[in-house]
C-alpha atoms as a PDB file:
ATOM      1  CA  MET A   1       0.093   0.204   0.021  1.00  0.00           C
ATOM      2  CA  SER A   2       1.167   3.371  -0.828  1.00  0.00           C
ATOM      3  CA  PRO A   3       1.244   5.901   1.687  1.00  0.00           C
ATOM      4  CA  ALA A   4      -0.833   8.002  -0.304  1.00  0.00           C
ATOM      5  CA  ASN A   5      -3.241   5.968  -0.293  1.00  0.00           C
ATOM      6  CA  PRO A   6      -3.315   3.416   2.588  1.00  0.00           C
ATOM      7  CA  TYR A   7      -6.747   1.738   1.388  1.00  0.00           C
ATOM      8  CA  ASP A   8      -7.095  -1.382  -0.720  1.00  0.00           C
ATOM      9  CA  ALA A   9      -9.631  -0.454  -2.913  1.00  0.00           C
ATOM     10  CA  SER A  10     -11.129  -4.093  -3.657  1.00  0.00           C
ATOM     11  CA  ILE A  11     -11.980  -4.063  -0.227  1.00  0.00           C
ATOM     12  CA  PRO A  12     -15.538  -2.263  -0.382  1.00  0.00           C
ATOM     13  CA  VAL A  13     -16.510   0.063   2.821  1.00  0.00           C
ATOM     14  CA  LEU A  14     -19.786   0.439   4.063  1.00  0.00           C
ATOM     15  CA  THR A  15     -20.552   3.773   2.261  1.00  0.00           C
ATOM     16  CA  GLU A  16     -20.144   2.061  -1.252  1.00  0.00           C
ATOM     17  CA  VAL A  17     -23.405   0.623  -2.973  1.00  0.00           C
ATOM     18  CA  LEU A  18     -22.681  -2.919  -3.482  1.00  0.00           C
ATOM     19  CA  GLN A  19     -24.218  -4.828  -6.642  1.00  0.00           C
ATOM     20  CA  ASP A  20     -25.090  -8.168  -5.380  1.00  0.00           C
ATOM     21  CA  ASP A  21     -25.358 -10.719  -8.524  1.00  0.00           C
ATOM     22  CA  THR A  22     -25.681 -13.553  -6.258  1.00  0.00           C
ATOM     23  CA  PRO A  23     -29.259 -15.652  -6.576  1.00  0.00           C
ATOM     24  CA  ARG A  24     -31.168 -15.085  -3.317  1.00  0.00           C
ATOM     25  CA  HIS A  25     -31.582 -18.377  -0.893  1.00  0.00           C
ATOM     26  CA  ALA A  26     -33.193 -16.458   1.835  1.00  0.00           C
ATOM     27  CA  PRO A  27     -36.864 -15.524   1.436  1.00  0.00           C
ATOM     28  CA  HIS A  28     -36.860 -12.119   3.379  1.00  0.00           C
ATOM     29  CA  HIS A  29     -34.145 -10.844   0.664  1.00  0.00           C
ATOM     30  CA  ALA A  30     -37.202 -11.142  -2.264  1.00  0.00           C
ATOM     31  CA  HIS A  31     -38.688  -7.973  -0.854  1.00  0.00           C
ATOM     32  CA  PHE A  32     -35.858  -5.534  -0.142  1.00  0.00           C
ATOM     33  CA  PRO A  33     -36.636  -2.930  -2.158  1.00  0.00           C
ATOM     34  CA  ALA A  34     -33.994  -2.615  -4.812  1.00  0.00           C
ATOM     35  CA  ALA A  35     -34.251   1.621  -5.148  1.00  0.00           C
ATOM     36  CA  ALA A  36     -33.389   1.934  -1.514  1.00  0.00           C
ATOM     37  CA  ALA A  37     -29.507   0.662  -2.045  1.00  0.00           C
ATOM     38  CA  HIS A  38     -29.529   3.290  -4.697  1.00  0.00           C
ATOM     39  CA  HIS A  39     -30.668   6.305  -3.075  1.00  0.00           C
ATOM     40  CA  ALA A  40     -28.929   7.282   0.325  1.00  0.00           C
ATOM     41  CA  ASP A  41     -32.301   9.043   1.016  1.00  0.00           C
ATOM     42  CA  ASP A  42     -34.317   5.974   1.105  1.00  0.00           C
ATOM     43  CA  LEU A  43     -31.685   4.230   3.353  1.00  0.00           C
ATOM     44  CA  HIS A  44     -33.638   6.264   6.388  1.00  0.00           C
ATOM     45  CA  ALA A  45     -37.264   4.660   4.850  1.00  0.00           C
ATOM     46  CA  LEU A  46     -35.470   0.890   5.771  1.00  0.00           C
ATOM     47  CA  ASP A  47     -37.283  -0.792   8.544  1.00  0.00           C
ATOM     48  CA  ASP A  48     -35.311  -3.485  10.648  1.00  0.00           C
ATOM     49  CA  ALA A  49     -35.633  -6.873   8.315  1.00  0.00           C
ATOM     50  CA  GLN A  50     -34.626  -4.349   5.438  1.00  0.00           C
ATOM     51  CA  TRP A  51     -31.731  -3.214   7.360  1.00  0.00           C
ATOM     52  CA  ALA A  52     -30.847  -7.178   8.586  1.00  0.00           C
ATOM     53  CA  ALA A  53     -31.144  -7.780   4.862  1.00  0.00           C
ATOM     54  CA  LEU A  54     -28.719  -5.197   3.870  1.00  0.00           C
ATOM     55  CA  GLU A  55     -26.242  -5.947   6.619  1.00  0.00           C
ATOM     56  CA  GLN A  56     -26.474  -9.581   5.421  1.00  0.00           C
ATOM     57  CA  ARG A  57     -25.827  -8.749   1.740  1.00  0.00           C
ATOM     58  CA  LEU A  58     -22.906  -6.479   2.857  1.00  0.00           C
ATOM     59  CA  SER A  59     -21.862  -9.213   5.168  1.00  0.00           C
ATOM     60  CA  GLU A  60     -21.604 -12.235   2.455  1.00  0.00           C
ATOM     61  CA  LYS A  61     -20.165  -9.391  -0.031  1.00  0.00           C
ATOM     62  CA  VAL A  62     -17.159  -8.384   2.253  1.00  0.00           C
ATOM     63  CA  LEU A  63     -16.582 -12.066   2.880  1.00  0.00           C
ATOM     64  CA  GLN A  64     -16.508 -13.434  -0.217  1.00  0.00           C
ATOM     65  CA  GLN A  65     -13.948 -10.526  -1.312  1.00  0.00           C
ATOM     66  CA  LEU A  66     -11.763 -11.495   1.989  1.00  0.00           C
ATOM     67  CA  GLN A  67     -12.150 -14.967   1.309  1.00  0.00           C
ATOM     68  CA  SER A  68     -10.762 -14.493  -2.287  1.00  0.00           C
ATOM     69  CA  ARG A  69      -8.036 -12.483  -1.262  1.00  0.00           C
ATOM     70  CA  VAL A  70      -7.078 -14.614   1.527  1.00  0.00           C
ATOM     71  CA  ASP A  71      -6.824 -17.776  -0.720  1.00  0.00           C
ATOM     72  CA  PHE A  72      -4.286 -15.970  -2.697  1.00  0.00           C
ATOM     73  CA  VAL A  73      -2.044 -14.542  -0.207  1.00  0.00           C
ATOM     74  CA  LEU A  74      -2.320 -18.389   1.399  1.00  0.00           C
ATOM     75  CA  GLU A  75      -1.244 -19.908  -1.978  1.00  0.00           C
ATOM     76  CA  GLN A  76       1.088 -17.369  -2.678  1.00  0.00           C
ATOM     77  CA  ARG A  77       2.955 -17.939   1.074  1.00  0.00           C
ATOM     78  CA  ILE A  78       2.566 -22.094   0.630  1.00  0.00           C
ATOM     79  CA  ARG A  79       4.334 -21.502  -2.716  1.00  0.00           C
ATOM     80  CA  ASP A  80       7.165 -19.493  -1.292  1.00  0.00           C
ATOM     81  CA  SER A  81       7.012 -21.455   1.467  1.00  0.00           C
ATOM     82  CA  MET A  82       7.271 -25.121  -0.637  1.00  0.00           C
ATOM     83  CA  GLU A  83      10.094 -23.077  -2.919  1.00  0.00           C
ATOM     84  CA  GLU A  84      12.043 -22.671   0.092  1.00  0.00           C
ATOM     85  CA  ALA A  85      11.847 -26.119   2.000  1.00  0.00           C
ATOM     86  CA  LEU A  86      12.574 -27.697  -1.804  1.00  0.00           C
ATOM     87  CA  ASN A  87      15.299 -25.625  -2.628  1.00  0.00           C
ATOM     88  CA  HIS A  88      16.880 -26.588   1.379  1.00  0.00           C
ATOM     89  CA  ALA A  89      16.089 -30.050   0.495  1.00  0.00           C
ATOM     90  CA  ILE A  90      17.492 -30.124  -2.641  1.00  0.00           C
ATOM     91  CA  LYS A  91      20.701 -28.436  -1.149  1.00  0.00           C
ATOM     92  CA  GLY A  92      21.326 -31.594   1.406  1.00  0.00           C
ATOM     93  CA  LEU A  93      20.327 -33.689  -1.312  1.00  0.00           C
ATOM     94  CA  THR A  94      22.969 -32.418  -3.828  1.00  0.00           C
ATOM     95  CA  SER A  95      25.465 -32.369  -0.791  1.00  0.00           C
ATOM     96  CA  GLU A  96      24.647 -35.750   0.518  1.00  0.00           C
ATOM     97  CA  ILE A  97      24.988 -37.300  -2.857  1.00  0.00           C
ATOM     98  CA  ARG A  98      28.485 -35.407  -3.792  1.00  0.00           C
ATOM     99  CA  HIS A  99      29.821 -36.467  -1.026  1.00  0.00           C
ATOM    100  CA  GLY A 100      28.902 -40.636  -1.479  1.00  0.00           C
ATOM    101  CA  LEU A 101      29.858 -40.244  -4.956  1.00  0.00           C
ATOM    102  CA  GLN A 102      33.433 -38.748  -3.889  1.00  0.00           C
ATOM    103  CA  GLU A 103      33.693 -41.278  -1.464  1.00  0.00           C
ATOM    104  CA  ALA A 104      32.824 -44.396  -3.895  1.00  0.00           C
ATOM    105  CA  LEU A 105      35.100 -42.814  -6.548  1.00  0.00           C
ATOM    106  CA  GLY A 106      37.860 -42.421  -3.873  1.00  0.00           C
ATOM    107  CA  ALA A 107      37.571 -45.915  -3.154  1.00  0.00           C
ATOM    108  CA  ILE A 108      37.111 -47.197  -6.698  1.00  0.00           C
ATOM    109  CA  VAL A 109      40.382 -45.265  -7.580  1.00  0.00           C
ATOM    110  CA  SER A 110      42.541 -46.753  -4.769  1.00  0.00           C
ATOM    111  CA  ARG A 111      41.242 -49.912  -5.258  1.00  0.00           C
ATOM    112  CA  ALA A 112      42.589 -49.737  -8.801  1.00  0.00           C
ATOM    113  CA  VAL A 113      45.623 -47.882  -8.079  1.00  0.00           C
ATOM    114  CA  SER A 114      46.497 -50.828  -5.042  1.00  0.00           C
ATOM    115  CA  GLN A 115      45.520 -53.972  -8.391  1.00  0.00           C
ATOM    116  CA  GLU A 116      47.693 -51.911 -11.132  1.00  0.00           C
ATOM    117  CA  LEU A 117      50.369 -51.754  -8.332  1.00  0.00           C
ATOM    118  CA  LEU A 118      50.269 -55.296  -7.639  1.00  0.00           C
ATOM    119  CA  HIS A 119      50.055 -56.145 -11.327  1.00  0.00           C
ATOM    120  CA  LEU A 120      53.205 -54.124 -11.923  1.00  0.00           C
ATOM    121  CA  GLN A 121      55.458 -56.223  -8.851  1.00  0.00           C
ATOM    122  CA  ALA A 122      53.834 -59.181  -9.988  1.00  0.00           C
ATOM    123  CA  GLN A 123      55.282 -58.651 -13.476  1.00  0.00           C
ATOM    124  CA  LYS A 124      58.864 -57.422 -12.034  1.00  0.00           C
ATOM    125  CA  LYS A 125      59.338 -60.327 -10.260  1.00  0.00           C
END
């Protein structure tokens, strides 16, 4: 976030009018006056049930937007963590393989040199 605009524009504020494209599941949403959501003056005329419906719609919309944001951030953090863990594991595995290979090659070369020296000594006699 920049110092000039400390608010995230993708998160709605309570003064914004939200367009809810999701189908209505609760029967009390059907009687909510659509015009009231578009005019601030009409908000004063809402009864308790309509306020509850508006609150429910706002809560659902904000939760939906936050959930998609949380999902994105969580996925990104998991990717970063997995990348770090995999890099660490690869470095460790590479080091172990390199060490094992170095020991194996050293033993093979040592055995080959010993056998060659024995072969040369046997020819000398």
